[in-house]
N, C-alpha and C. Protein backbone atom coordinates (compact mmCIF):
# COMPACT_ATOMS: atom_id res chain seq x y z
N MET A 1 1.03 -1.04 0.20
CA MET A 1 0.06 -0.14 -0.20
C MET A 1 1.03 1.02 -0.29
N MET A 2 1.73 1.29 1.06
CA MET A 2 2.80 2.40 0.79
C MET A 2 3.71 2.75 -0.52
N LYS A 3 3.86 1.62 -1.49
CA LYS A 3 4.33 1.68 -2.42
C LYS A 3 3.55 2.66 -3.44
N TYR A 4 2.26 2.02 -3.27
CA TYR A 4 1.38 2.98 -4.50
C TYR A 4 1.20 4.08 -3.83
N ILE A 5 0.97 4.49 -2.58
CA ILE A 5 0.93 6.00 -2.26
C ILE A 5 2.01 6.91 -2.68
N PHE A 6 3.25 6.38 -2.63
CA PHE A 6 4.42 6.96 -2.93
C PHE A 6 4.65 7.03 -4.35
N PHE A 7 3.79 5.94 -5.14
CA PHE A 7 4.14 6.25 -6.69
C PHE A 7 2.83 7.30 -7.07
N LEU A 8 1.70 7.40 -6.40
CA LEU A 8 0.77 8.44 -6.51
C LEU A 8 1.35 9.54 -6.61
N LEU A 9 1.75 9.96 -5.19
CA LEU A 9 2.79 11.37 -4.84
C LEU A 9 3.77 11.47 -5.84
N SER A 10 4.62 10.67 -6.39
CA SER A 10 5.70 10.92 -7.57
C SER A 10 4.98 11.57 -8.77
N MET A 11 3.60 10.83 -8.82
CA MET A 11 3.27 11.03 -10.28
C MET A 11 2.68 12.77 -10.02
N VAL A 12 1.92 12.83 -9.00
CA VAL A 12 1.67 14.16 -8.87
C VAL A 12 2.89 15.24 -8.96
N PHE A 13 3.53 14.82 -8.16
CA PHE A 13 5.00 15.79 -8.16
C PHE A 13 5.49 16.25 -9.68
N VAL A 14 5.68 15.15 -10.38
CA VAL A 14 6.16 15.03 -11.73
C VAL A 14 5.21 15.81 -12.76
N LEU A 15 3.95 15.70 -12.75
CA LEU A 15 3.19 16.27 -13.11
C LEU A 15 2.92 17.51 -12.79
N SER A 16 2.84 18.10 -11.73
CA SER A 16 3.07 19.54 -11.57
C SER A 16 3.95 20.30 -11.82
N CYS A 17 5.38 19.81 -12.15
CA CYS A 17 6.26 20.21 -12.31
C CYS A 17 6.27 20.60 -13.89
N ALA A 18 5.74 19.97 -14.71
CA ALA A 18 5.53 19.72 -16.28
C ALA A 18 5.07 21.23 -16.68
N THR A 19 5.48 22.13 -17.21
CA THR A 19 4.69 23.59 -17.92
C THR A 19 4.48 23.26 -19.55
N PRO A 20 3.63 22.81 -19.74
CA PRO A 20 3.31 22.24 -21.18
C PRO A 20 3.13 23.68 -21.71
N ASN A 21 3.31 23.76 -23.11
CA ASN A 21 3.22 25.14 -24.00
C ASN A 21 1.86 25.45 -24.20
N THR A 22 0.75 26.17 -23.62
CA THR A 22 -0.39 26.05 -24.09
C THR A 22 -0.69 27.45 -24.56
N SER A 23 0.29 27.89 -25.10
CA SER A 23 -0.19 29.18 -25.56
C SER A 23 -0.95 29.37 -26.74
N LYS A 24 -1.75 30.16 -26.98
CA LYS A 24 -2.51 30.41 -28.14
C LYS A 24 -2.07 31.36 -29.12
N TYR A 25 -0.80 31.86 -29.11
CA TYR A 25 -0.06 32.68 -30.09
C TYR A 25 1.49 31.72 -30.41
N SER A 26 0.89 31.54 -31.68
CA SER A 26 2.69 31.17 -32.23
C SER A 26 3.68 31.87 -32.63
N LYS A 27 3.26 33.37 -32.58
CA LYS A 27 4.27 34.68 -33.19
C LYS A 27 3.51 35.54 -32.53
N ILE A 28 4.43 36.11 -31.79
CA ILE A 28 4.08 37.85 -31.44
C ILE A 28 5.47 38.58 -32.35
N GLU A 29 4.98 39.74 -32.93
CA GLU A 29 5.74 40.46 -33.84
C GLU A 29 5.15 42.24 -33.51
N TYR A 30 6.48 42.91 -32.95
CA TYR A 30 6.01 43.98 -32.73
C TYR A 30 7.21 44.92 -33.63
N ASN A 31 6.93 45.83 -34.13
CA ASN A 31 7.45 47.08 -34.90
C ASN A 31 7.59 48.03 -34.24
N ALA A 32 8.33 48.82 -33.71
CA ALA A 32 8.57 50.53 -33.62
C ALA A 32 8.88 51.17 -34.34
N GLU A 33 8.52 52.07 -35.33
CA GLU A 33 8.83 52.85 -36.35
C GLU A 33 9.47 54.13 -35.98
N ALA A 34 9.75 55.13 -36.81
CA ALA A 34 10.54 56.03 -36.49
C ALA A 34 9.40 57.18 -36.13
N CYS A 35 10.05 58.26 -35.92
CA CYS A 35 9.34 59.52 -35.67
C CYS A 35 10.42 60.53 -35.86
N PHE A 36 9.86 61.93 -35.58
CA PHE A 36 10.86 62.95 -36.10
C PHE A 36 11.67 63.38 -35.00
N GLY A 37 12.56 62.27 -34.20
CA GLY A 37 13.24 62.43 -33.08
C GLY A 37 14.22 61.35 -32.93
N PHE A 38 14.38 60.78 -32.02
CA PHE A 38 14.99 59.58 -31.64
C PHE A 38 14.54 58.29 -30.52
N CYS A 39 13.42 58.13 -31.49
CA CYS A 39 12.38 57.30 -31.23
C CYS A 39 13.25 55.83 -31.43
N PRO A 40 13.21 54.84 -30.38
CA PRO A 40 13.70 53.50 -31.13
C PRO A 40 12.91 53.00 -32.33
N ILE A 41 14.04 52.42 -32.94
CA ILE A 41 13.14 51.38 -34.29
C ILE A 41 13.92 50.25 -34.25
N PHE A 42 12.94 49.34 -34.15
CA PHE A 42 13.15 48.20 -34.07
C PHE A 42 11.94 46.89 -34.60
N LYS A 43 12.56 45.91 -34.61
CA LYS A 43 11.11 44.80 -34.69
C LYS A 43 11.47 43.69 -33.67
N ILE A 44 10.97 43.10 -33.21
CA ILE A 44 10.80 41.93 -32.17
C ILE A 44 10.09 40.90 -32.37
N THR A 45 10.57 39.60 -32.64
CA THR A 45 9.90 38.83 -32.53
C THR A 45 9.89 37.62 -31.29
N VAL A 46 8.85 37.36 -30.52
CA VAL A 46 8.60 36.48 -29.62
C VAL A 46 8.09 34.94 -30.04
N ASN A 47 8.78 34.17 -29.95
CA ASN A 47 8.15 32.66 -30.18
C ASN A 47 7.55 31.89 -28.77
N PRO A 48 6.82 30.90 -29.18
CA PRO A 48 6.11 30.26 -27.56
C PRO A 48 7.17 29.69 -27.11
N ASP A 49 8.05 29.45 -27.12
CA ASP A 49 9.36 28.48 -26.62
C ASP A 49 10.10 29.75 -25.55
N ARG A 50 9.78 31.06 -25.87
CA ARG A 50 10.14 32.16 -25.06
C ARG A 50 11.57 32.70 -25.95
N THR A 51 12.18 32.07 -26.93
CA THR A 51 13.00 32.92 -27.60
C THR A 51 12.48 34.06 -28.44
N ALA A 52 13.48 34.79 -28.30
CA ALA A 52 13.28 36.27 -29.34
C ALA A 52 14.42 36.82 -29.77
N VAL A 53 13.49 37.55 -30.92
CA VAL A 53 14.82 37.87 -31.51
C VAL A 53 14.66 39.58 -31.90
N ILE A 54 15.49 40.60 -31.75
CA ILE A 54 15.13 41.91 -31.94
C ILE A 54 16.28 42.33 -33.15
N ASP A 55 15.80 42.98 -34.22
CA ASP A 55 16.40 43.37 -35.34
C ASP A 55 16.20 44.77 -34.98
N ALA A 56 17.76 45.30 -34.52
CA ALA A 56 17.66 46.65 -34.23
C ALA A 56 17.93 47.50 -35.24
N GLU A 57 17.41 48.70 -35.64
CA GLU A 57 17.70 49.48 -36.31
C GLU A 57 18.79 50.68 -36.07
N ARG A 58 18.03 51.65 -35.11
CA ARG A 58 18.18 52.68 -34.35
C ARG A 58 17.73 53.11 -33.09
N PHE A 59 18.73 53.37 -31.96
CA PHE A 59 18.15 54.04 -30.96
C PHE A 59 17.72 52.65 -29.69
N THR A 60 17.70 51.31 -30.47
CA THR A 60 17.21 50.60 -29.38
C THR A 60 17.90 50.44 -28.33
N PHE A 61 19.51 50.24 -28.28
CA PHE A 61 20.08 49.68 -27.03
C PHE A 61 21.10 51.28 -26.75
N THR A 62 20.84 52.11 -27.68
CA THR A 62 21.77 53.15 -27.64
C THR A 62 20.84 54.46 -27.82
N GLU A 63 21.03 55.43 -27.14
CA GLU A 63 20.68 56.81 -27.29
C GLU A 63 21.07 57.66 -28.35
N GLY A 64 20.18 58.18 -28.69
CA GLY A 64 20.47 59.23 -29.87
C GLY A 64 20.71 60.75 -29.22
N ARG A 65 21.77 61.04 -29.93
CA ARG A 65 22.12 62.58 -29.50
C ARG A 65 21.92 63.54 -30.16
N SER A 66 22.49 63.14 -31.69
CA SER A 66 22.58 64.20 -32.78
C SER A 66 22.36 63.97 -33.92
N LYS A 67 21.91 64.41 -34.94
CA LYS A 67 21.61 64.13 -36.31
C LYS A 67 22.96 62.89 -36.85
N ASP A 68 23.96 63.27 -36.85
CA ASP A 68 24.89 61.95 -36.98
C ASP A 68 24.65 60.70 -36.55
N ASP A 69 23.72 60.51 -35.72
CA ASP A 69 23.41 59.21 -35.07
C ASP A 69 22.35 58.51 -36.19
N PHE A 70 21.81 59.40 -36.93
CA PHE A 70 20.89 58.71 -37.87
C PHE A 70 21.83 58.01 -39.31
N SER A 71 22.63 58.58 -39.30
CA SER A 71 23.63 57.99 -40.31
C SER A 71 24.52 56.91 -40.27
N GLY A 72 24.58 56.77 -38.74
CA GLY A 72 25.65 55.35 -38.26
C GLY A 72 24.97 53.94 -39.00
N PRO A 73 25.54 52.96 -38.41
CA PRO A 73 25.12 51.67 -38.74
C PRO A 73 24.35 50.90 -38.10
N LYS A 74 23.61 50.16 -38.33
CA LYS A 74 22.30 49.81 -37.81
C LYS A 74 22.92 49.03 -36.62
N GLU A 75 22.19 48.85 -35.61
CA GLU A 75 22.60 48.31 -34.63
C GLU A 75 22.92 46.67 -34.33
N GLY A 76 22.05 46.37 -35.09
CA GLY A 76 22.15 44.77 -35.30
C GLY A 76 21.30 43.93 -34.70
N ILE A 77 21.26 42.60 -34.87
CA ILE A 77 20.11 41.65 -34.43
C ILE A 77 20.93 40.66 -33.33
N PHE A 78 20.05 40.56 -32.69
CA PHE A 78 20.30 40.42 -31.16
C PHE A 78 19.18 39.07 -30.78
N LYS A 79 19.34 38.14 -29.84
CA LYS A 79 18.24 37.39 -29.31
C LYS A 79 18.50 37.05 -28.31
N THR A 80 17.47 36.23 -27.23
CA THR A 80 17.65 36.28 -26.02
C THR A 80 16.03 34.83 -25.79
N THR A 81 16.28 34.60 -24.54
CA THR A 81 15.49 33.75 -24.31
C THR A 81 14.37 34.38 -22.84
N ILE A 82 13.06 34.78 -23.43
CA ILE A 82 12.69 36.03 -22.48
C ILE A 82 12.16 34.94 -21.22
N LYS A 83 12.60 35.99 -20.05
CA LYS A 83 12.80 35.05 -18.59
C LYS A 83 10.94 34.75 -18.49
N GLN A 84 10.86 33.50 -17.84
CA GLN A 84 9.45 32.96 -17.80
C GLN A 84 8.45 34.07 -17.37
N PRO A 85 8.79 34.75 -16.18
CA PRO A 85 7.62 35.71 -15.74
C PRO A 85 7.67 36.94 -16.50
N ASP A 86 8.44 36.98 -17.17
CA ASP A 86 7.92 38.32 -18.04
C ASP A 86 7.31 37.83 -19.35
N TYR A 87 7.48 36.57 -19.69
CA TYR A 87 6.82 35.72 -21.22
C TYR A 87 5.38 35.67 -20.54
N ASN A 88 5.38 35.32 -18.94
CA ASN A 88 3.97 34.85 -18.66
C ASN A 88 2.87 36.55 -18.78
N LYS A 89 3.83 37.37 -18.06
CA LYS A 89 3.32 38.65 -18.20
C LYS A 89 2.93 39.41 -19.32
N LEU A 90 3.84 39.01 -20.54
CA LEU A 90 3.25 39.56 -22.02
C LEU A 90 1.93 38.56 -22.68
N ILE A 91 2.10 37.20 -22.01
CA ILE A 91 0.97 36.42 -22.39
C ILE A 91 -0.46 37.10 -21.88
N SER A 92 -0.01 37.22 -20.67
CA SER A 92 -1.58 37.88 -19.52
C SER A 92 -2.12 39.13 -20.39
N LEU A 93 -0.96 39.93 -20.84
CA LEU A 93 -1.56 41.35 -21.57
C LEU A 93 -2.09 41.03 -22.67
N LEU A 94 -1.75 40.28 -23.61
CA LEU A 94 -2.27 39.93 -24.91
C LEU A 94 -3.57 39.28 -24.52
N ASP A 95 -4.02 38.12 -23.50
CA ASP A 95 -5.01 37.70 -23.22
C ASP A 95 -6.00 38.90 -22.80
N ASP A 96 -5.70 39.84 -22.21
CA ASP A 96 -6.54 40.94 -21.52
C ASP A 96 -7.15 41.99 -22.73
N LEU A 97 -6.37 41.74 -23.98
CA LEU A 97 -6.92 42.97 -25.11
C LEU A 97 -7.65 42.54 -25.51
N ASP A 98 -8.39 41.14 -25.82
CA ASP A 98 -9.71 40.67 -26.97
C ASP A 98 -8.82 40.89 -27.93
N LEU A 99 -7.88 40.46 -28.09
CA LEU A 99 -7.05 40.80 -30.12
C LEU A 99 -8.22 40.81 -30.96
N LYS A 100 -8.76 39.94 -31.22
CA LYS A 100 -9.91 39.69 -32.64
C LYS A 100 -10.85 40.51 -32.32
N ASN A 101 -11.21 41.29 -31.55
CA ASN A 101 -12.05 42.37 -31.71
C ASN A 101 -11.56 44.01 -31.57
N LEU A 102 -10.37 43.88 -31.45
CA LEU A 102 -9.57 45.19 -31.56
C LEU A 102 -9.60 45.98 -33.26
N LYS A 103 -9.72 47.00 -33.21
CA LYS A 103 -9.78 47.93 -34.91
C LYS A 103 -8.35 47.51 -35.44
N PRO A 104 -8.00 47.07 -36.68
CA PRO A 104 -6.73 46.96 -37.54
C PRO A 104 -6.16 48.52 -37.60
N TYR A 105 -6.75 49.54 -37.26
CA TYR A 105 -6.22 50.84 -37.31
C TYR A 105 -6.28 51.98 -36.31
N TYR A 106 -5.39 52.42 -35.49
CA TYR A 106 -5.66 53.49 -34.35
C TYR A 106 -4.81 54.65 -34.93
N GLY A 107 -5.35 56.01 -34.34
CA GLY A 107 -4.16 57.01 -34.83
C GLY A 107 -4.67 58.22 -35.54
N ASN A 108 -3.95 59.41 -35.64
CA ASN A 108 -4.69 60.48 -36.27
C ASN A 108 -3.52 61.12 -36.95
N LYS A 109 -3.53 60.83 -38.40
CA LYS A 109 -2.61 60.63 -39.37
C LYS A 109 -2.40 62.53 -39.30
N ASN A 110 -3.28 63.33 -38.82
CA ASN A 110 -2.77 64.72 -38.85
C ASN A 110 -1.92 65.27 -37.96
N VAL A 111 -1.30 64.40 -37.34
CA VAL A 111 -0.07 64.87 -36.70
C VAL A 111 0.78 63.96 -37.32
N THR A 112 2.05 64.99 -37.62
CA THR A 112 3.11 63.90 -38.14
C THR A 112 4.39 63.94 -37.87
N ASP A 113 4.72 63.96 -36.45
CA ASP A 113 5.58 63.48 -35.94
C ASP A 113 6.02 62.40 -34.92
N LEU A 114 4.92 61.28 -34.87
CA LEU A 114 4.34 59.94 -33.97
C LEU A 114 5.01 59.14 -34.73
N PRO A 115 5.66 57.98 -33.68
CA PRO A 115 5.96 56.82 -34.16
C PRO A 115 4.79 56.07 -34.38
N THR A 116 4.92 55.06 -35.28
CA THR A 116 3.94 53.97 -35.18
C THR A 116 4.47 52.60 -34.70
N ALA A 117 3.22 52.06 -33.97
CA ALA A 117 3.52 50.70 -33.81
C ALA A 117 2.77 49.78 -34.26
N HIS A 118 3.13 48.57 -34.97
CA HIS A 118 2.66 47.70 -35.53
C HIS A 118 2.69 46.30 -34.77
N LEU A 119 1.69 45.80 -34.54
CA LEU A 119 1.67 44.47 -33.64
C LEU A 119 0.96 43.39 -34.31
N ARG A 120 1.80 42.27 -34.89
CA ARG A 120 1.40 41.53 -35.68
C ARG A 120 1.42 40.11 -34.36
N ILE A 121 0.06 39.51 -34.67
CA ILE A 121 0.01 37.89 -34.12
C ILE A 121 -0.46 37.09 -34.59
N THR A 122 0.08 35.84 -34.82
CA THR A 122 0.01 34.74 -35.20
C THR A 122 -0.88 33.96 -33.98
N PHE A 123 -1.82 33.45 -34.43
CA PHE A 123 -2.68 32.29 -33.50
C PHE A 123 -2.17 30.75 -33.69
N THR A 124 -2.42 30.11 -32.85
CA THR A 124 -1.76 28.76 -33.33
C THR A 124 -3.06 28.24 -34.06
N ASP A 125 -3.99 28.53 -34.19
CA ASP A 125 -5.08 28.10 -35.41
C ASP A 125 -4.77 28.68 -36.85
N GLY A 126 -3.69 29.33 -36.91
CA GLY A 126 -3.44 29.55 -38.19
C GLY A 126 -3.72 30.99 -38.44
N SER A 127 -4.70 31.57 -37.80
CA SER A 127 -5.46 33.08 -37.90
C SER A 127 -4.33 33.85 -37.60
N SER A 128 -4.38 35.43 -37.92
CA SER A 128 -3.72 36.69 -37.20
C SER A 128 -4.40 37.84 -37.33
N LYS A 129 -3.63 38.53 -36.48
CA LYS A 129 -4.22 39.96 -36.25
C LYS A 129 -3.07 40.79 -36.46
N HIS A 130 -3.58 42.14 -37.36
CA HIS A 130 -2.27 43.05 -37.25
C HIS A 130 -3.16 44.15 -37.02
N ILE A 131 -2.27 45.10 -35.95
CA ILE A 131 -2.82 46.44 -35.76
C ILE A 131 -1.44 47.55 -35.84
N GLU A 132 -2.09 48.37 -36.59
CA GLU A 132 -1.17 49.51 -37.04
C GLU A 132 -1.83 50.67 -35.74
N ASP A 133 -0.67 51.22 -35.49
CA ASP A 133 -1.18 52.30 -34.28
C ASP A 133 -0.51 53.12 -34.29
N TYR A 134 -0.66 54.50 -35.10
CA TYR A 134 0.17 55.75 -35.36
C TYR A 134 0.01 56.30 -33.65
N GLY A 135 0.91 56.63 -33.37
CA GLY A 135 1.07 57.44 -32.13
C GLY A 135 0.92 56.58 -30.83
N LYS A 136 1.20 55.18 -30.98
CA LYS A 136 0.88 54.28 -29.83
C LYS A 136 0.05 54.72 -28.73
N GLY A 137 -1.25 55.06 -29.31
CA GLY A 137 -2.26 55.26 -28.38
C GLY A 137 -3.92 54.92 -28.66
N GLY A 138 -3.83 53.49 -29.07
CA GLY A 138 -5.12 53.25 -29.64
C GLY A 138 -5.76 52.70 -28.69
N THR A 139 -5.64 52.06 -27.55
CA THR A 139 -6.39 51.53 -26.16
C THR A 139 -5.20 51.38 -25.19
N GLU A 140 -5.72 52.15 -23.99
CA GLU A 140 -5.06 51.77 -22.64
C GLU A 140 -4.30 50.65 -22.25
N LYS A 141 -5.40 49.31 -22.65
CA LYS A 141 -4.02 47.91 -22.89
C LYS A 141 -3.40 48.10 -24.02
N LEU A 142 -3.72 48.68 -25.03
CA LEU A 142 -2.11 48.75 -25.93
C LEU A 142 -1.48 48.91 -25.91
N ASP A 143 -1.60 50.50 -25.05
CA ASP A 143 -0.56 51.01 -24.62
C ASP A 143 0.59 50.62 -23.61
N GLU A 144 -0.46 49.73 -22.57
CA GLU A 144 0.29 48.80 -21.65
C GLU A 144 1.10 47.45 -22.41
N LEU A 145 0.62 47.25 -23.19
CA LEU A 145 1.36 45.94 -23.85
C LEU A 145 2.67 46.77 -24.84
N TYR A 146 2.31 47.74 -25.29
CA TYR A 146 3.66 48.16 -26.19
C TYR A 146 4.87 48.71 -24.85
N THR A 147 4.50 49.22 -24.24
CA THR A 147 5.42 49.73 -22.95
C THR A 147 6.21 48.50 -22.53
N PHE A 148 5.46 47.47 -21.81
CA PHE A 148 6.00 46.20 -21.82
C PHE A 148 6.91 45.80 -22.72
N ILE A 149 6.53 45.46 -23.91
CA ILE A 149 7.54 45.02 -24.95
C ILE A 149 8.33 45.90 -25.49
N GLU A 150 8.45 47.22 -25.24
CA GLU A 150 9.75 47.94 -25.64
C GLU A 150 10.40 47.96 -24.29
N ASN A 151 10.18 47.71 -23.15
CA ASN A 151 10.69 47.63 -22.25
C ASN A 151 11.81 46.42 -21.87
N LEU A 152 11.19 45.37 -22.95
CA LEU A 152 11.80 43.65 -22.73
C LEU A 152 13.17 44.15 -23.08
N ARG A 153 13.62 45.31 -24.09
CA ARG A 153 15.30 45.69 -24.73
C ARG A 153 15.70 46.19 -23.45
N LYS A 154 15.24 46.57 -22.35
CA LYS A 154 16.12 46.75 -21.03
C LYS A 154 16.36 45.67 -20.29
N THR A 155 15.07 45.06 -19.94
CA THR A 155 14.98 43.91 -18.93
C THR A 155 15.52 42.15 -19.04
N GLN A 156 16.01 42.17 -20.54
CA GLN A 156 16.57 40.63 -20.57
C GLN A 156 18.06 40.79 -21.04
N THR A 157 18.57 39.91 -20.99
CA THR A 157 19.94 39.70 -21.61
C THR A 157 20.13 39.46 -22.97
N TRP A 158 20.31 40.48 -23.82
CA TRP A 158 20.29 40.22 -25.50
C TRP A 158 21.97 40.05 -25.71
N THR A 159 22.09 39.07 -26.62
CA THR A 159 22.99 38.64 -27.47
C THR A 159 23.34 38.72 -29.21
N LYS A 160 24.19 39.72 -29.19
CA LYS A 160 24.23 40.14 -30.83
C LYS A 160 24.46 38.92 -31.37
N VAL A 161 23.57 38.46 -32.67
CA VAL A 161 24.43 37.42 -33.45
C VAL A 161 24.55 37.73 -34.99
N ALA A 162 24.24 38.88 -35.60
CA ALA A 162 24.43 39.88 -36.72
C ALA A 162 24.28 41.25 -36.65
N GLN A 163 25.27 41.82 -37.72
CA GLN A 163 25.31 43.23 -37.89
C GLN A 163 23.63 43.59 -38.85
């Protein structure tokens, strides 16, 4: 009888430690585009295994201070594995958005010096959602997501893999 109890407890322990990937997102892409200033310009792609790649154009990991900074070389391509708590927060923020019911475009094109965000989500069922947000102010929850994603540049350990 004791063997059976031990076996049962062992199985419960093993199963509780397993963290299966049950994400409904097969790819998360975010593009931060230019403004008439020193806004970060980059594209980040996050996969369900938490691996991420940033294609850093300008001001992603460096600060711009003069017009000469615009003619410098591209910062490069960097990779990391997103920390589990940060990945969980990212998924939670996405889940809270009700993505499929958001508009495909937000912004006011009458203002000409704001950056544009592109959020592209590919779902595991094969469908996708693209949101273009000029000025990054579409909804309060979108703004919270953009801020979180942009802060991943600073909160993760990135390794340069290419220029």
